[in-house]
Amino acid sequence: MTKSIFKCPKCKEYTLSEKCPKCGSKAFSPQPARFSLEKERKYSHYRRKLVKREQEQITK
């Protein structure tokens, strides 16, 4: 078990457990996901394709 901080999305309370002791809902890590340049390159084709599709829908 790792010691990390979690945040409840409902009551906005911070806790050390994965379940909020105040409201009982599931708590999530408030830290953003780590950035990986390798994964960024791997999925960049899909991201560009999505942006192009969204721009085409806006111009219609």
C-alpha atoms as a PDB file:
ATOM      1  CA  MET A   1       0.000   0.000   0.000  1.00  0.00           C
ATOM      2  CA  THR A   2       1.440   3.339  -1.026  1.00  0.00           C
ATOM      3  CA  LYS A   3       1.047   6.520   0.951  1.00  0.00           C
ATOM      4  CA  SER A   4      -0.424   9.110  -1.358  1.00  0.00           C
ATOM      5  CA  ILE A   5      -3.077  11.732  -0.987  1.00  0.00           C
ATOM      6  CA  PHE A   6      -6.522  11.431  -2.556  1.00  0.00           C
ATOM      7  CA  LYS A   7      -9.307  13.943  -3.122  1.00  0.00           C
ATOM      8  CA  CYS A   8     -13.035  13.254  -3.047  1.00  0.00           C
ATOM      9  CA  PRO A   9     -14.813  14.741  -6.104  1.00  0.00           C
ATOM     10  CA  LYS A  10     -18.126  15.148  -4.236  1.00  0.00           C
ATOM     11  CA  CYS A  11     -17.182  16.846  -0.970  1.00  0.00           C
ATOM     12  CA  LYS A  12     -13.705  18.116  -2.035  1.00  0.00           C
ATOM     13  CA  GLU A  13     -12.061  16.599   1.052  1.00  0.00           C
ATOM     14  CA  TYR A  14      -8.511  15.248   1.040  1.00  0.00           C
ATOM     15  CA  THR A  15      -7.805  11.831   2.544  1.00  0.00           C
ATOM     16  CA  LEU A  16      -5.151   9.117   2.664  1.00  0.00           C
ATOM     17  CA  SER A  17      -7.595   6.333   1.830  1.00  0.00           C
ATOM     18  CA  GLU A  18      -9.149   5.539  -1.541  1.00  0.00           C
ATOM     19  CA  LYS A  19     -12.640   5.860  -0.050  1.00  0.00           C
ATOM     20  CA  CYS A  20     -13.824   9.179   1.371  1.00  0.00           C
ATOM     21  CA  PRO A  21     -14.485   8.851   5.120  1.00  0.00           C
ATOM     22  CA  LYS A  22     -16.969  11.737   5.023  1.00  0.00           C
ATOM     23  CA  CYS A  23     -19.350  10.774   2.179  1.00  0.00           C
ATOM     24  CA  GLY A  24     -18.195   7.246   1.243  1.00  0.00           C
ATOM     25  CA  SER A  25     -17.522   7.913  -2.454  1.00  0.00           C
ATOM     26  CA  LYS A  26     -14.367   6.882  -4.299  1.00  0.00           C
ATOM     27  CA  ALA A  27     -11.480   9.362  -3.976  1.00  0.00           C
ATOM     28  CA  PHE A  28      -9.021  10.077  -6.791  1.00  0.00           C
ATOM     29  CA  SER A  29      -5.471  11.327  -6.970  1.00  0.00           C
ATOM     30  CA  PRO A  30      -5.433  15.109  -7.565  1.00  0.00           C
ATOM     31  CA  GLN A  31      -2.085  14.910  -9.359  1.00  0.00           C
ATOM     32  CA  PRO A  32      -2.031  15.108 -13.151  1.00  0.00           C
ATOM     33  CA  ALA A  33      -0.828  12.122 -15.154  1.00  0.00           C
ATOM     34  CA  ARG A  34       2.876  11.975 -15.922  1.00  0.00           C
ATOM     35  CA  PHE A  35       3.968  13.351 -19.270  1.00  0.00           C
ATOM     36  CA  SER A  36       5.750  10.907 -21.541  1.00  0.00           C
ATOM     37  CA  LEU A  37       7.247  12.144 -24.787  1.00  0.00           C
ATOM     38  CA  GLU A  38       7.274   8.590 -26.158  1.00  0.00           C
ATOM     39  CA  LYS A  39       3.532   8.155 -25.639  1.00  0.00           C
ATOM     40  CA  GLU A  40       2.938  11.666 -26.946  1.00  0.00           C
ATOM     41  CA  ARG A  41       4.591  10.730 -30.236  1.00  0.00           C
ATOM     42  CA  LYS A  42       2.813   7.383 -30.344  1.00  0.00           C
ATOM     43  CA  TYR A  43      -0.687   8.923 -30.262  1.00  0.00           C
ATOM     44  CA  SER A  44      -0.002  12.241 -32.007  1.00  0.00           C
ATOM     45  CA  HIS A  45      -1.413  10.894 -35.296  1.00  0.00           C
ATOM     46  CA  TYR A  46      -4.804  10.286 -33.654  1.00  0.00           C
ATOM     47  CA  ARG A  47      -4.781  13.683 -31.957  1.00  0.00           C
ATOM     48  CA  ARG A  48      -4.100  15.503 -35.249  1.00  0.00           C
ATOM     49  CA  LYS A  49      -6.819  13.470 -36.955  1.00  0.00           C
ATOM     50  CA  LEU A  50      -9.315  14.422 -34.247  1.00  0.00           C
ATOM     51  CA  VAL A  51      -8.427  18.123 -34.444  1.00  0.00           C
ATOM     52  CA  LYS A  52      -8.811  18.073 -38.220  1.00  0.00           C
ATOM     53  CA  ARG A  53     -12.221  16.389 -37.938  1.00  0.00           C
ATOM     54  CA  GLU A  54     -13.388  18.968 -35.363  1.00  0.00           C
ATOM     55  CA  GLN A  55     -12.246  21.854 -37.577  1.00  0.00           C
ATOM     56  CA  GLU A  56     -14.156  20.402 -40.521  1.00  0.00           C
ATOM     57  CA  GLN A  57     -17.320  20.195 -38.430  1.00  0.00           C
ATOM     58  CA  ILE A  58     -16.971  23.824 -37.335  1.00  0.00           C
ATOM     59  CA  THR A  59     -16.608  25.081 -40.904  1.00  0.00           C
ATOM     60  CA  LYS A  60     -19.748  23.240 -42.096  1.00  0.00           C
END
